[in-house]
Protein backbone atom coordinates (compact mmCIF):
# COMPACT_ATOMS: atom_id res chain seq x y z
CA MET A 1 -24.59 66.25 -36.10
CA ILE A 2 -24.19 62.34 -35.00
CA ARG A 3 -20.73 62.29 -36.56
CA ARG A 4 -19.87 65.11 -34.36
CA LEU A 5 -21.19 63.23 -31.49
CA TYR A 6 -19.77 60.04 -32.18
CA ASP A 7 -16.00 61.70 -32.62
CA TRP A 8 -16.42 63.49 -29.36
CA THR A 9 -17.75 59.98 -28.10
CA MET A 10 -14.58 58.50 -29.07
CA GLN A 11 -12.40 60.64 -27.73
CA GLN A 12 -13.90 60.56 -24.64
CA ALA A 13 -12.44 56.84 -24.44
CA GLY A 14 -8.87 57.57 -23.86
CA GLY A 15 -8.98 60.83 -21.79
CA PRO A 16 -8.35 61.49 -17.87
CA HIS A 17 -12.24 61.46 -17.32
CA ALA A 18 -13.57 58.35 -19.17
CA LEU A 19 -15.23 56.98 -16.60
CA TRP A 20 -17.33 60.39 -15.90
CA ALA A 21 -17.68 60.53 -19.99
CA LEU A 22 -19.27 57.03 -19.88
CA ALA A 23 -21.55 57.83 -17.01
CA LEU A 24 -22.68 60.54 -18.81
CA VAL A 25 -22.90 59.24 -22.12
CA ALA A 26 -25.07 56.35 -20.52
CA PHE A 27 -27.46 58.70 -18.58
CA VAL A 28 -28.71 60.43 -21.43
CA GLU A 29 -28.37 57.70 -24.05
CA SER A 30 -31.61 56.45 -21.82
CA SER A 31 -33.63 59.57 -22.52
CA VAL A 32 -31.97 61.60 -25.24
CA PHE A 33 -28.91 60.61 -26.60
CA PRO A 34 -28.25 58.96 -30.35
CA ILE A 35 -24.86 57.15 -29.21
CA PRO A 36 -24.87 53.96 -27.01
CA PRO A 37 -22.37 54.06 -24.50
CA ASP A 38 -21.10 50.76 -25.66
CA VAL A 39 -18.49 53.14 -28.18
CA LEU A 40 -17.18 54.32 -24.88
CA LEU A 41 -17.36 50.93 -22.68
CA ILE A 42 -15.34 48.65 -25.25
CA PRO A 43 -11.98 50.70 -25.53
CA MET A 44 -12.25 51.86 -22.10
CA VAL A 45 -12.38 47.86 -21.16
CA LEU A 46 -9.98 47.20 -23.47
CA ALA A 47 -7.66 49.61 -22.22
CA ALA A 48 -7.94 48.51 -18.41
CA ARG A 49 -9.33 45.06 -18.49
CA ALA A 50 -8.57 45.28 -14.71
CA GLN A 51 -11.49 47.34 -14.29
CA ALA A 52 -14.17 45.93 -16.42
CA TRP A 53 -16.38 45.29 -13.41
CA ARG A 54 -16.30 48.90 -12.21
CA ILE A 55 -16.82 50.34 -15.61
CA ALA A 56 -19.74 47.97 -16.30
CA LEU A 57 -21.28 48.97 -12.47
CA VAL A 58 -20.84 52.53 -13.81
CA ALA A 59 -22.49 52.27 -17.16
CA THR A 60 -25.30 50.08 -15.39
CA LEU A 61 -26.15 52.74 -12.70
CA ALA A 62 -25.62 55.98 -15.18
CA SER A 63 -28.19 54.22 -17.50
CA VAL A 64 -30.79 53.03 -15.44
CA ALA A 65 -30.63 56.24 -14.12
CA GLY A 66 -31.03 57.81 -17.37
CA GLY A 67 -34.05 55.71 -17.83
CA LEU A 68 -35.50 57.04 -14.90
CA LEU A 69 -35.05 60.61 -16.78
CA GLY A 70 -36.64 59.07 -19.81
CA TYR A 71 -39.55 57.91 -17.83
CA ALA A 72 -40.19 61.52 -16.01
CA ILE A 73 -39.92 62.56 -19.84
CA GLY A 74 -42.84 60.09 -20.37
CA TYR A 75 -44.68 60.69 -17.11
CA GLY A 76 -44.56 64.52 -16.88
CA PHE A 77 -43.76 65.97 -20.29
CA MET A 78 -45.06 63.55 -22.76
CA ASP A 79 -46.56 67.00 -24.69
CA THR A 80 -43.43 69.18 -24.40
CA LEU A 81 -40.38 66.83 -24.56
CA GLY A 82 -41.29 63.38 -25.29
CA GLN A 83 -43.39 63.67 -28.09
CA PRO A 84 -40.39 65.45 -30.08
CA ILE A 85 -38.14 62.81 -28.86
CA LEU A 86 -40.56 60.45 -30.28
CA ASP A 87 -40.78 61.88 -33.39
CA PHE A 88 -37.41 62.13 -33.50
CA TYR A 89 -36.82 58.28 -33.82
CA GLY A 90 -39.87 57.94 -35.98
CA LYS A 91 -41.63 56.41 -33.22
CA ALA A 92 -44.53 58.92 -32.38
CA ASP A 93 -46.91 56.87 -34.83
CA ALA A 94 -46.40 53.56 -33.18
CA PHE A 95 -47.11 55.43 -29.71
CA ASP A 96 -51.11 55.35 -29.28
CA SER A 97 -51.23 51.45 -30.68
CA LEU A 98 -48.68 50.33 -27.96
CA ALA A 99 -49.98 52.24 -25.34
CA ALA A 100 -52.75 50.46 -25.80
CA ARG A 101 -50.96 46.95 -24.77
CA PHE A 102 -48.05 48.22 -23.49
CA ASN A 103 -48.42 47.66 -19.30
CA ALA A 104 -49.69 44.79 -19.92
CA MET A 105 -46.15 43.46 -21.09
CA GLY A 106 -44.18 46.47 -19.89
CA GLY A 107 -41.53 44.80 -18.15
CA TRP A 108 -40.82 42.64 -20.86
CA ALA A 109 -40.81 45.92 -23.18
CA VAL A 110 -38.46 47.00 -20.66
CA LEU A 111 -36.20 43.48 -20.73
CA ILE A 112 -35.83 43.25 -24.61
CA ALA A 113 -35.27 47.14 -24.85
CA GLY A 114 -32.97 46.92 -22.60
CA VAL A 115 -30.47 44.37 -23.90
CA THR A 116 -31.41 44.88 -27.56
CA PRO A 117 -30.10 47.27 -29.89
CA PHE A 118 -33.97 48.26 -29.66
CA PRO A 119 -33.68 52.43 -28.54
CA TYR A 120 -33.79 51.93 -24.98
CA LYS A 121 -34.94 55.69 -24.91
CA VAL A 122 -37.94 55.26 -26.88
CA ILE A 123 -39.40 52.17 -23.49
CA THR A 124 -38.28 54.70 -20.94
CA ILE A 125 -40.61 57.29 -22.41
CA PHE A 126 -42.89 54.95 -23.11
CA SER A 127 -42.88 53.76 -19.61
CA GLY A 128 -43.09 56.68 -17.93
CA ALA A 129 -46.37 57.90 -20.01
CA THR A 130 -48.20 54.85 -20.09
CA HIS A 131 -47.73 55.28 -16.33
CA LEU A 132 -46.17 51.93 -15.96
CA ASN A 133 -45.77 50.67 -12.56
CA LEU A 134 -41.88 52.37 -11.19
CA TRP A 135 -41.05 49.81 -9.37
CA LEU A 136 -41.26 47.13 -12.04
CA PHE A 137 -39.93 49.62 -14.68
CA LEU A 138 -36.95 50.27 -12.00
CA GLY A 139 -36.43 46.73 -11.32
CA VAL A 140 -36.31 45.43 -15.02
CA SER A 141 -34.12 48.27 -15.80
CA VAL A 142 -31.53 47.15 -13.71
CA LEU A 143 -31.62 43.75 -14.99
CA ALA A 144 -31.81 44.54 -18.59
CA ARG A 145 -28.59 47.08 -18.39
CA ALA A 146 -26.35 44.92 -15.79
CA LEU A 147 -26.83 42.04 -18.08
CA ARG A 148 -26.48 44.20 -21.45
CA PHE A 149 -23.27 45.80 -19.85
CA PHE A 150 -21.52 43.27 -17.94
CA ILE A 151 -21.73 40.81 -20.74
CA VAL A 152 -20.14 42.78 -22.76
CA ALA A 153 -17.31 43.79 -20.01
CA ALA A 154 -16.90 39.99 -19.19
CA LEU A 155 -16.49 38.92 -22.80
CA LEU A 156 -13.90 42.10 -22.74
CA TRP A 157 -12.28 40.93 -19.76
CA LYS A 158 -11.67 37.15 -20.71
CA PHE A 159 -10.87 37.47 -24.94
CA GLY A 160 -9.70 41.36 -25.44
CA ALA A 161 -9.62 42.86 -28.26
CA PRO A 162 -10.47 39.81 -30.24
CA ILE A 163 -13.56 39.74 -29.12
CA ARG A 164 -14.22 43.31 -30.27
CA ALA A 165 -15.40 42.79 -33.80
CA PHE A 166 -17.95 39.43 -32.57
CA ILE A 167 -18.95 42.02 -30.32
CA GLU A 168 -19.82 44.88 -32.47
CA ARG A 169 -21.26 43.09 -35.43
CA TRP A 170 -23.05 40.11 -33.62
CA LEU A 171 -23.76 40.59 -30.23
CA GLY A 172 -26.88 42.83 -30.74
CA LEU A 173 -28.20 40.31 -32.81
CA LEU A 174 -27.26 37.49 -30.18
CA PHE A 175 -29.29 39.58 -27.64
CA THR A 176 -32.22 39.71 -29.64
CA LEU A 177 -32.40 36.05 -30.95
CA PHE A 178 -32.45 34.96 -26.97
CA VAL A 179 -35.15 37.49 -25.52
CA VAL A 180 -37.11 35.68 -28.50
CA ALA A 181 -36.66 32.45 -27.10
CA LEU A 182 -37.24 32.98 -24.20
CA ILE A 183 -40.20 34.98 -24.85
CA GLY A 184 -41.35 31.74 -27.20
CA GLY A 185 -40.17 29.63 -24.23
CA PHE A 186 -42.55 30.85 -21.80
CA TYR A 187 -45.70 31.32 -24.33
CA ALA A 188 -45.16 27.37 -25.27
CA LEU A 189 -45.00 26.62 -21.63
CA ARG A 190 -48.56 28.53 -21.20
CA TYR A 191 -50.58 27.63 -24.14
CA LEU A 192 -48.63 24.22 -25.26
């Protein structure tokens, strides 16, 4: 099933409705879909580098809107919709321990999930289930998703196809290391 979803997603990248397909994939990926929008964003930017910023903007806005759906699932439908989604991603057992600490660091969790390979959809649902401040969630989601999609678009716009392998292999790790260094820096400033 995942392979068929991936193949369908890849076919959309070259189609006449690619921007709408990207918006749809970015929207549903933020709450339930297992395929990241990057699989559409990357070939779309490579095919139309002059449209890189527009493509990144569509991915960002649709992803944040989908994140609001994930928040709503967690907030109002945790038992009926949220729990099965968390079970699917193997995160249900972690919910109770995470919920106790989540709101204290919720903004950081949203930022981390928004820019790293960690499933953003899990954090959108956690945010709603723990009633993280909606404005904090929304602001950090916009920042995180814009960082992720605009950096990918900028790299593809600047370097073209040669940077694709680097993005697909290393960018997630670099985002993760950046976030760890950022948090470590704040920790050091506070406690050292």
